[in-house]
Structures are given as C-alpha cells and as structure tokens.
Amino acid sequence: PSYAKLLDYRGDYLKASKINASKLRGSLDFDPASYALLHGHFYSSPEKDMAEAASIIKRANAEFPGLRVLSVNGSYFHNSGATTVQELAFSLASGNEYLAVLTDKGLKAGEIAPFIQFSFCIGSSYFIEIARLRAARLLWAQIVKQYNPESETAAEMHIHCSTSGWN
C-alpha cells in the first residue's frame, strides 16, 4: 500500500470539504517493521519502506500536524504470546529503530517522534497495565531525549490501547 497516496486522498478530501488540515486528528497504521515480523518481508523493501516513512513524516510535519503517520504495533507482540515486559521492550526497540533509521535519513528527532503512535494491548491486571503505560511513557521520553530533540514535547508518547486478544 502507498501511504503517500492515502495522504494525497485525505488532503484532497479536506480541501474539497473546506476543512482545515491542521484540525485533523487520527493515525495511519504504517508500520513496516511489524509488517516484516508478521509476514517475513517488508511491504516493498527496507529501503523503500523507510524512504516512504521519511516522506510521509515530512508531509505530516508540513500539512497534517495532528496525524500520527507511523505506528509501532506492540499489540502484535502481545497477541503472539509476549509477556507485558516483552511487549514493552520490543515496542520501544521498534520505536528506537525508526528514530535511528529516519535520523540517518536527515530528519530530526523532533520531526519524527510526534508522528509515532504506539499501540498496546491491555490485559486484565489493572494496576500492572497502568504501571506499564506509565513506564512506557517514561522510557520513551528517555529514548527520544538521546536524539536531542528540539523541544520537550517531542518526547511525549502517543498511545492507543485495545483489549488483549487473550482476554
């Protein structure tokens, strides 16, 4: 799938509807790393997929500031049998990989991190889940700070949660 084309369609719709694109809130589910884990190959290739990630992040910075265009699907790890700690660790590692690859492509951490959304599964252990999400936010902020973002808000984690398939 071409997420750049999806942004084109979204932009065209917003213009035709006379809706300010800066008011758009939501996310795309572009996660080439998790796709490769699930299917054994990338959408196209690692190089093309990361180039597309860089392209859509640049576009989101310019046109869609409220749209999270890159996802880290920790729920895939959870629903594949990972423990709470493993899901968190693998998700943070994936997010760090996106930061590392995309900063190598010339983007700054402050241009990348605000456009990443983390998706986690929530189990039945209420207090454990609260602690995990708090730990995720704290650890992600520490990871992002290592890339010297331009603003403190770049280190904020955007989280989406869904009920675990195991529950």
N, C-alpha and C. Protein backbone atom coordinates (compact mmCIF):
# COMPACT_ATOMS: atom_id res chain seq x y z
N PRO A 1 0.83 -1.20 0.00
CA PRO A 1 0.00 0.00 0.00
C PRO A 1 0.86 1.25 0.00
N SER A 2 0.38 2.28 -0.64
CA SER A 2 1.09 3.55 -0.66
C SER A 2 0.42 4.50 0.32
N TYR A 3 1.10 4.74 1.42
CA TYR A 3 0.56 5.66 2.41
C TYR A 3 0.68 7.10 1.94
N ALA A 4 1.63 7.39 1.05
CA ALA A 4 1.73 8.73 0.48
C ALA A 4 0.47 9.04 -0.33
N LYS A 5 -0.04 8.04 -1.08
CA LYS A 5 -1.27 8.24 -1.84
C LYS A 5 -2.46 8.43 -0.90
N LEU A 6 -2.45 7.71 0.20
CA LEU A 6 -3.51 7.87 1.18
C LEU A 6 -3.53 9.30 1.73
N LEU A 7 -2.35 9.86 1.96
CA LEU A 7 -2.28 11.25 2.39
C LEU A 7 -2.78 12.20 1.30
N ASP A 8 -2.48 11.86 0.03
CA ASP A 8 -2.99 12.67 -1.08
C ASP A 8 -4.52 12.68 -1.07
N TYR A 9 -5.12 11.50 -0.92
CA TYR A 9 -6.58 11.39 -0.90
C TYR A 9 -7.16 12.17 0.28
N ARG A 10 -6.52 12.03 1.42
CA ARG A 10 -7.00 12.72 2.61
C ARG A 10 -6.91 14.23 2.42
N GLY A 11 -5.78 14.70 1.87
CA GLY A 11 -5.60 16.12 1.61
C GLY A 11 -6.62 16.65 0.62
N ASP A 12 -6.87 15.90 -0.45
CA ASP A 12 -7.86 16.30 -1.46
C ASP A 12 -9.25 16.40 -0.84
N TYR A 13 -9.60 15.42 -0.01
CA TYR A 13 -10.90 15.43 0.64
C TYR A 13 -11.05 16.65 1.55
N LEU A 14 -10.01 16.93 2.33
CA LEU A 14 -10.08 18.07 3.24
C LEU A 14 -10.22 19.39 2.48
N LYS A 15 -9.50 19.52 1.36
CA LYS A 15 -9.60 20.74 0.55
C LYS A 15 -11.00 20.87 -0.05
N ALA A 16 -11.51 19.76 -0.60
CA ALA A 16 -12.85 19.79 -1.21
C ALA A 16 -13.92 20.09 -0.17
N SER A 17 -13.71 19.63 1.05
CA SER A 17 -14.69 19.84 2.11
C SER A 17 -14.44 21.14 2.87
N LYS A 18 -13.38 21.86 2.48
CA LYS A 18 -13.02 23.12 3.14
C LYS A 18 -12.79 22.93 4.63
N ILE A 19 -12.07 21.85 4.96
CA ILE A 19 -11.71 21.56 6.34
C ILE A 19 -10.23 21.86 6.52
N ASN A 20 -9.90 22.56 7.58
CA ASN A 20 -8.50 22.90 7.87
C ASN A 20 -7.76 21.62 8.26
N ALA A 21 -6.73 21.26 7.52
CA ALA A 21 -5.97 20.02 7.76
C ALA A 21 -5.30 20.01 9.13
N SER A 22 -5.02 21.16 9.68
CA SER A 22 -4.37 21.20 10.99
C SER A 22 -5.31 20.75 12.11
N LYS A 23 -6.61 20.70 11.83
CA LYS A 23 -7.57 20.26 12.83
C LYS A 23 -7.79 18.74 12.80
N LEU A 24 -7.22 18.09 11.79
CA LEU A 24 -7.37 16.64 11.65
C LEU A 24 -6.61 15.92 12.75
N ARG A 25 -7.26 14.97 13.41
CA ARG A 25 -6.63 14.15 14.44
C ARG A 25 -6.87 12.70 14.07
N GLY A 26 -5.85 11.89 14.22
CA GLY A 26 -6.01 10.48 13.92
C GLY A 26 -4.67 9.84 13.65
N SER A 27 -4.71 8.69 13.01
CA SER A 27 -3.47 7.98 12.74
C SER A 27 -3.62 7.10 11.51
N LEU A 28 -2.48 6.82 10.91
CA LEU A 28 -2.36 5.81 9.88
C LEU A 28 -1.70 4.61 10.54
N ASP A 29 -1.76 3.48 9.94
CA ASP A 29 -1.16 2.30 10.56
C ASP A 29 0.04 1.84 9.73
N PHE A 30 0.93 2.76 9.41
CA PHE A 30 2.12 2.40 8.63
C PHE A 30 3.20 1.93 9.60
N ASP A 31 3.47 0.65 9.58
CA ASP A 31 4.44 0.04 10.49
C ASP A 31 5.20 -1.05 9.74
N PRO A 32 6.17 -0.65 8.90
CA PRO A 32 6.87 -1.65 8.10
C PRO A 32 7.66 -2.66 8.93
N ALA A 33 8.17 -2.27 10.09
CA ALA A 33 8.94 -3.20 10.91
C ALA A 33 8.04 -4.33 11.42
N SER A 34 6.88 -4.00 11.94
CA SER A 34 5.96 -5.03 12.43
C SER A 34 5.40 -5.86 11.28
N TYR A 35 5.17 -5.21 10.15
CA TYR A 35 4.70 -5.95 8.97
C TYR A 35 5.72 -7.02 8.59
N ALA A 36 6.99 -6.65 8.62
CA ALA A 36 8.05 -7.60 8.28
C ALA A 36 8.10 -8.75 9.29
N LEU A 37 7.86 -8.46 10.56
CA LEU A 37 7.84 -9.52 11.57
C LEU A 37 6.67 -10.48 11.34
N LEU A 38 5.52 -9.94 10.97
CA LEU A 38 4.34 -10.78 10.77
C LEU A 38 4.39 -11.60 9.49
N HIS A 39 4.95 -11.01 8.42
CA HIS A 39 4.86 -11.63 7.10
C HIS A 39 6.18 -12.16 6.56
N GLY A 40 7.28 -11.83 7.21
CA GLY A 40 8.58 -12.32 6.76
C GLY A 40 9.21 -11.47 5.67
N HIS A 41 8.57 -10.37 5.29
CA HIS A 41 9.11 -9.46 4.29
C HIS A 41 8.49 -8.09 4.50
N PHE A 42 9.15 -7.06 3.98
CA PHE A 42 8.62 -5.70 4.09
C PHE A 42 7.54 -5.49 3.04
N TYR A 43 6.84 -4.37 3.11
CA TYR A 43 5.84 -4.05 2.08
C TYR A 43 6.52 -4.10 0.71
N SER A 44 7.62 -3.37 0.58
CA SER A 44 8.40 -3.35 -0.66
C SER A 44 9.79 -3.87 -0.37
N SER A 45 10.58 -3.06 0.34
CA SER A 45 11.93 -3.43 0.80
C SER A 45 12.24 -2.51 1.97
N PRO A 46 13.22 -2.86 2.79
CA PRO A 46 13.52 -1.97 3.92
C PRO A 46 13.85 -0.55 3.47
N GLU A 47 14.60 -0.42 2.40
CA GLU A 47 14.99 0.90 1.92
C GLU A 47 13.79 1.71 1.43
N LYS A 48 12.95 1.08 0.62
CA LYS A 48 11.78 1.79 0.08
C LYS A 48 10.78 2.13 1.19
N ASP A 49 10.58 1.20 2.10
CA ASP A 49 9.62 1.45 3.17
C ASP A 49 10.09 2.57 4.09
N MET A 50 11.37 2.62 4.40
CA MET A 50 11.88 3.69 5.26
C MET A 50 11.92 5.02 4.51
N ALA A 51 12.15 4.97 3.21
CA ALA A 51 12.07 6.20 2.41
C ALA A 51 10.64 6.72 2.41
N GLU A 52 9.66 5.81 2.31
CA GLU A 52 8.27 6.24 2.36
C GLU A 52 7.93 6.79 3.74
N ALA A 53 8.46 6.16 4.79
CA ALA A 53 8.24 6.67 6.15
C ALA A 53 8.77 8.09 6.28
N ALA A 54 9.97 8.33 5.77
CA ALA A 54 10.55 9.68 5.82
C ALA A 54 9.68 10.66 5.04
N SER A 55 9.20 10.23 3.89
CA SER A 55 8.38 11.09 3.04
C SER A 55 7.06 11.46 3.72
N ILE A 56 6.38 10.49 4.30
CA ILE A 56 5.09 10.79 4.91
C ILE A 56 5.25 11.58 6.21
N ILE A 57 6.36 11.40 6.90
CA ILE A 57 6.61 12.21 8.10
C ILE A 57 6.86 13.66 7.71
N LYS A 58 7.64 13.88 6.66
CA LYS A 58 7.87 15.25 6.19
C LYS A 58 6.55 15.90 5.79
N ARG A 59 5.72 15.14 5.11
CA ARG A 59 4.42 15.67 4.67
C ARG A 59 3.52 15.96 5.85
N ALA A 60 3.52 15.06 6.83
CA ALA A 60 2.70 15.29 8.02
C ALA A 60 3.17 16.53 8.77
N ASN A 61 4.47 16.72 8.87
CA ASN A 61 5.00 17.93 9.51
C ASN A 61 4.49 19.18 8.83
N ALA A 62 4.43 19.15 7.51
CA ALA A 62 4.03 20.33 6.73
C ALA A 62 2.52 20.53 6.68
N GLU A 63 1.75 19.45 6.59
CA GLU A 63 0.32 19.58 6.32
C GLU A 63 -0.63 19.03 7.38
N PHE A 64 -0.22 17.96 8.07
CA PHE A 64 -1.12 17.25 8.98
C PHE A 64 -0.50 17.11 10.38
N PRO A 65 -0.35 18.18 11.12
CA PRO A 65 0.35 18.10 12.39
C PRO A 65 -0.32 17.22 13.44
N GLY A 66 -1.59 16.94 13.30
CA GLY A 66 -2.29 16.11 14.28
C GLY A 66 -2.46 14.67 13.86
N LEU A 67 -1.80 14.28 12.80
CA LEU A 67 -1.95 12.93 12.27
C LEU A 67 -0.71 12.11 12.59
N ARG A 68 -0.88 11.02 13.29
CA ARG A 68 0.23 10.10 13.59
C ARG A 68 0.36 9.17 12.39
N VAL A 69 1.46 9.26 11.68
CA VAL A 69 1.58 8.52 10.42
C VAL A 69 2.41 7.25 10.53
N LEU A 70 3.14 7.09 11.61
CA LEU A 70 3.98 5.90 11.80
C LEU A 70 3.52 5.20 13.06
N SER A 71 3.33 3.89 12.98
CA SER A 71 2.84 3.14 14.13
C SER A 71 3.87 2.13 14.61
N VAL A 72 3.80 1.84 15.89
CA VAL A 72 4.53 0.73 16.48
C VAL A 72 3.45 -0.14 17.11
N ASN A 73 3.23 -1.30 16.54
CA ASN A 73 2.14 -2.17 16.97
C ASN A 73 2.62 -3.20 18.00
N GLY A 74 2.70 -2.77 19.25
CA GLY A 74 3.07 -3.67 20.33
C GLY A 74 2.03 -4.76 20.53
N SER A 75 0.81 -4.49 20.09
CA SER A 75 -0.26 -5.49 20.23
C SER A 75 0.07 -6.76 19.46
N TYR A 76 0.83 -6.65 18.37
CA TYR A 76 1.24 -7.85 17.64
C TYR A 76 2.09 -8.75 18.52
N PHE A 77 2.99 -8.15 19.28
CA PHE A 77 3.85 -8.93 20.17
C PHE A 77 3.01 -9.59 21.26
N HIS A 78 2.11 -8.79 21.86
CA HIS A 78 1.28 -9.31 22.94
C HIS A 78 0.43 -10.48 22.46
N ASN A 79 -0.24 -10.31 21.34
CA ASN A 79 -1.14 -11.35 20.84
C ASN A 79 -0.39 -12.55 20.28
N SER A 80 0.94 -12.42 20.16
CA SER A 80 1.76 -13.56 19.74
C SER A 80 2.35 -14.30 20.94
N GLY A 81 1.99 -13.87 22.15
CA GLY A 81 2.41 -14.58 23.35
C GLY A 81 3.47 -13.87 24.18
N ALA A 82 3.84 -12.65 23.82
CA ALA A 82 4.84 -11.93 24.61
C ALA A 82 4.27 -11.55 25.97
N THR A 83 5.15 -11.50 26.95
CA THR A 83 4.74 -11.03 28.27
C THR A 83 4.58 -9.51 28.22
N THR A 84 4.08 -8.95 29.29
CA THR A 84 3.91 -7.50 29.38
C THR A 84 5.25 -6.79 29.19
N VAL A 85 6.28 -7.31 29.84
CA VAL A 85 7.61 -6.71 29.76
C VAL A 85 8.17 -6.86 28.34
N GLN A 86 7.99 -8.02 27.73
CA GLN A 86 8.48 -8.23 26.37
C GLN A 86 7.78 -7.32 25.37
N GLU A 87 6.46 -7.19 25.51
CA GLU A 87 5.72 -6.30 24.60
C GLU A 87 6.25 -4.88 24.70
N LEU A 88 6.48 -4.41 25.91
CA LEU A 88 7.00 -3.06 26.11
C LEU A 88 8.41 -2.94 25.53
N ALA A 89 9.27 -3.90 25.82
CA ALA A 89 10.66 -3.84 25.35
C ALA A 89 10.74 -3.89 23.84
N PHE A 90 10.00 -4.79 23.21
CA PHE A 90 10.04 -4.90 21.75
C PHE A 90 9.45 -3.65 21.08
N SER A 91 8.41 -3.10 21.68
CA SER A 91 7.80 -1.89 21.12
C SER A 91 8.75 -0.71 21.20
N LEU A 92 9.39 -0.53 22.34
CA LEU A 92 10.34 0.56 22.48
C LEU A 92 11.54 0.38 21.55
N ALA A 93 11.96 -0.86 21.38
CA ALA A 93 13.07 -1.13 20.45
C ALA A 93 12.67 -0.79 19.02
N SER A 94 11.44 -1.10 18.65
CA SER A 94 10.95 -0.75 17.30
C SER A 94 10.89 0.76 17.12
N GLY A 95 10.38 1.46 18.11
CA GLY A 95 10.33 2.91 18.05
C GLY A 95 11.72 3.52 17.94
N ASN A 96 12.66 2.97 18.70
CA ASN A 96 14.04 3.44 18.63
C ASN A 96 14.64 3.17 17.25
N GLU A 97 14.32 2.04 16.67
CA GLU A 97 14.82 1.72 15.33
C GLU A 97 14.31 2.72 14.30
N TYR A 98 13.04 3.09 14.40
CA TYR A 98 12.50 4.11 13.49
C TYR A 98 13.25 5.43 13.68
N LEU A 99 13.50 5.82 14.92
CA LEU A 99 14.25 7.05 15.16
C LEU A 99 15.65 6.97 14.57
N ALA A 100 16.33 5.86 14.78
CA ALA A 100 17.70 5.70 14.29
C ALA A 100 17.77 5.75 12.76
N VAL A 101 16.90 5.00 12.11
CA VAL A 101 16.93 4.95 10.64
C VAL A 101 16.53 6.29 10.04
N LEU A 102 15.49 6.90 10.58
CA LEU A 102 14.99 8.15 9.99
C LEU A 102 15.89 9.34 10.29
N THR A 103 16.56 9.35 11.44
CA THR A 103 17.54 10.43 11.67
C THR A 103 18.74 10.26 10.74
N ASP A 104 19.08 9.02 10.41
CA ASP A 104 20.14 8.78 9.41
C ASP A 104 19.73 9.30 8.04
N LYS A 105 18.44 9.38 7.79
CA LYS A 105 17.94 9.89 6.51
C LYS A 105 17.80 11.41 6.51
N GLY A 106 18.26 12.05 7.59
CA GLY A 106 18.28 13.51 7.61
C GLY A 106 17.17 14.18 8.40
N LEU A 107 16.23 13.42 8.91
CA LEU A 107 15.18 14.01 9.73
C LEU A 107 15.68 14.21 11.16
N LYS A 108 15.08 15.13 11.87
CA LYS A 108 15.42 15.36 13.27
C LYS A 108 14.44 14.61 14.15
N ALA A 109 14.89 14.26 15.35
CA ALA A 109 14.03 13.52 16.28
C ALA A 109 12.73 14.26 16.55
N GLY A 110 12.80 15.59 16.63
CA GLY A 110 11.60 16.38 16.87
C GLY A 110 10.63 16.38 15.71
N GLU A 111 11.09 15.97 14.53
CA GLU A 111 10.21 15.84 13.36
C GLU A 111 9.60 14.45 13.28
N ILE A 112 10.23 13.48 13.94
CA ILE A 112 9.81 12.08 13.84
C ILE A 112 8.91 11.67 14.99
N ALA A 113 9.40 11.83 16.21
CA ALA A 113 8.73 11.29 17.40
C ALA A 113 7.27 11.72 17.55
N PRO A 114 6.91 12.99 17.29
CA PRO A 114 5.50 13.35 17.45
C PRO A 114 4.55 12.66 16.47
N PHE A 115 5.09 12.03 15.46
CA PHE A 115 4.25 11.39 14.45
C PHE A 115 4.23 9.86 14.58
N ILE A 116 4.75 9.37 15.72
CA ILE A 116 4.72 7.93 16.00
C ILE A 116 3.64 7.66 17.03
N GLN A 117 2.86 6.63 16.76
CA GLN A 117 1.83 6.19 17.71
C GLN A 117 2.16 4.76 18.12
N PHE A 118 2.09 4.48 19.41
CA PHE A 118 2.31 3.14 19.94
C PHE A 118 0.95 2.51 20.23
N SER A 119 0.77 1.28 19.80
CA SER A 119 -0.46 0.54 20.08
C SER A 119 -0.12 -0.62 21.01
N PHE A 120 -0.80 -0.67 22.13
CA PHE A 120 -0.58 -1.73 23.11
C PHE A 120 -1.87 -2.46 23.38
N CYS A 121 -1.74 -3.71 23.81
CA CYS A 121 -2.90 -4.48 24.28
C CYS A 121 -2.99 -4.34 25.78
N ILE A 122 -4.20 -4.34 26.27
CA ILE A 122 -4.44 -4.23 27.69
C ILE A 122 -5.05 -5.53 28.18
N GLY A 123 -4.43 -6.08 29.21
CA GLY A 123 -4.91 -7.32 29.81
C GLY A 123 -5.80 -7.04 31.01
N SER A 124 -6.01 -8.06 31.82
CA SER A 124 -6.95 -7.96 32.93
C SER A 124 -6.31 -7.49 34.23
N SER A 125 -5.00 -7.34 34.28
CA SER A 125 -4.32 -6.89 35.50
C SER A 125 -4.26 -5.37 35.51
N TYR A 126 -5.28 -4.77 36.07
CA TYR A 126 -5.50 -3.33 36.00
C TYR A 126 -4.27 -2.52 36.43
N PHE A 127 -3.74 -2.77 37.60
CA PHE A 127 -2.64 -1.96 38.11
C PHE A 127 -1.34 -2.23 37.36
N ILE A 128 -1.14 -3.45 36.91
CA ILE A 128 0.04 -3.78 36.10
C ILE A 128 -0.02 -3.00 34.79
N GLU A 129 -1.18 -2.92 34.18
CA GLU A 129 -1.33 -2.21 32.91
C GLU A 129 -1.09 -0.70 33.08
N ILE A 130 -1.59 -0.14 34.16
CA ILE A 130 -1.34 1.28 34.44
C ILE A 130 0.16 1.51 34.60
N ALA A 131 0.81 0.65 35.37
CA ALA A 131 2.25 0.78 35.59
C ALA A 131 3.02 0.63 34.27
N ARG A 132 2.60 -0.29 33.44
CA ARG A 132 3.29 -0.50 32.17
C ARG A 132 3.18 0.73 31.27
N LEU A 133 2.00 1.32 31.18
CA LEU A 133 1.83 2.50 30.34
C LEU A 133 2.60 3.69 30.90
N ARG A 134 2.65 3.82 32.20
CA ARG A 134 3.46 4.89 32.79
C ARG A 134 4.94 4.65 32.51
N ALA A 135 5.38 3.41 32.64
CA ALA A 135 6.78 3.07 32.34
C ALA A 135 7.08 3.32 30.86
N ALA A 136 6.14 2.98 30.00
CA ALA A 136 6.34 3.20 28.56
C ALA A 136 6.58 4.67 28.27
N ARG A 137 5.76 5.53 28.84
CA ARG A 137 5.92 6.97 28.63
C ARG A 137 7.28 7.47 29.13
N LEU A 138 7.66 7.01 30.32
CA LEU A 138 8.93 7.42 30.90
C LEU A 138 10.12 6.94 30.06
N LEU A 139 10.09 5.68 29.67
CA LEU A 139 11.20 5.11 28.90
C LEU A 139 11.28 5.71 27.49
N TRP A 140 10.13 5.95 26.87
CA TRP A 140 10.14 6.56 25.54
C TRP A 140 10.72 7.98 25.60
N ALA A 141 10.37 8.71 26.63
CA ALA A 141 10.92 10.05 26.79
C ALA A 141 12.44 10.00 26.92
N GLN A 142 12.95 9.01 27.63
CA GLN A 142 14.40 8.87 27.77
C GLN A 142 15.06 8.50 26.44
N ILE A 143 14.41 7.65 25.67
CA ILE A 143 14.94 7.27 24.35
C ILE A 143 15.00 8.48 23.44
N VAL A 144 13.90 9.21 23.35
CA VAL A 144 13.84 10.37 22.46
C VAL A 144 14.86 11.43 22.87
N LYS A 145 15.04 11.65 24.16
CA LYS A 145 15.99 12.65 24.63
C LYS A 145 17.42 12.34 24.17
N GLN A 146 17.74 11.09 23.94
CA GLN A 146 19.08 10.71 23.48
C GLN A 146 19.35 11.20 22.06
N TYR A 147 18.29 11.54 21.33
CA TYR A 147 18.42 12.05 19.97
C TYR A 147 18.42 13.58 19.93
N ASN A 148 18.43 14.21 21.09
CA ASN A 148 18.48 15.67 21.21
C ASN A 148 17.39 16.38 20.41
N PRO A 149 16.12 16.12 20.76
CA PRO A 149 15.03 16.80 20.04
C PRO A 149 15.05 18.29 20.32
N GLU A 150 14.44 19.04 19.43
CA GLU A 150 14.41 20.50 19.54
C GLU A 150 13.49 20.97 20.65
N SER A 151 12.48 20.18 21.02
CA SER A 151 11.54 20.59 22.05
C SER A 151 11.24 19.43 22.99
N GLU A 152 10.82 19.78 24.19
CA GLU A 152 10.46 18.78 25.19
C GLU A 152 9.24 17.97 24.78
N THR A 153 8.32 18.59 24.05
CA THR A 153 7.09 17.90 23.67
C THR A 153 7.33 16.76 22.69
N ALA A 154 8.48 16.77 22.02
CA ALA A 154 8.79 15.68 21.08
C ALA A 154 8.90 14.34 21.79
N ALA A 155 9.21 14.38 23.08
CA ALA A 155 9.40 13.14 23.84
C ALA A 155 8.09 12.56 24.39
N GLU A 156 6.97 13.21 24.11
CA GLU A 156 5.68 12.70 24.58
C GLU A 156 5.27 11.49 23.75
N MET A 157 4.81 10.47 24.43
CA MET A 157 4.38 9.24 23.75
C MET A 157 2.89 9.30 23.46
N HIS A 158 2.53 8.93 22.25
CA HIS A 158 1.12 8.85 21.86
C HIS A 158 0.74 7.38 21.87
N ILE A 159 -0.26 7.05 22.67
CA ILE A 159 -0.62 5.64 22.91
C ILE A 159 -2.05 5.37 22.47
N HIS A 160 -2.22 4.22 21.83
CA HIS A 160 -3.53 3.67 21.52
C HIS A 160 -3.58 2.31 22.18
N CYS A 161 -4.66 2.01 22.86
CA CYS A 161 -4.79 0.71 23.53
C CYS A 161 -6.04 -0.01 23.06
N SER A 162 -5.93 -1.32 23.05
CA SER A 162 -7.09 -2.17 22.75
C SER A 162 -7.05 -3.37 23.69
N THR A 163 -8.19 -4.00 23.83
CA THR A 163 -8.26 -5.16 24.69
C THR A 163 -7.46 -6.31 24.11
N SER A 164 -6.76 -6.99 24.93
CA SER A 164 -5.94 -8.12 24.51
C SER A 164 -6.79 -9.22 23.89
N GLY A 165 -6.27 -9.82 22.84
CA GLY A 165 -6.95 -10.96 22.23
C GLY A 165 -7.05 -12.15 23.18
N TRP A 166 -6.19 -12.18 24.16
CA TRP A 166 -6.17 -13.27 25.15
C TRP A 166 -7.30 -13.12 26.15
N ASN A 167 -7.86 -11.92 26.26
CA ASN A 167 -8.95 -11.69 27.23
C ASN A 167 -10.28 -11.82 26.53
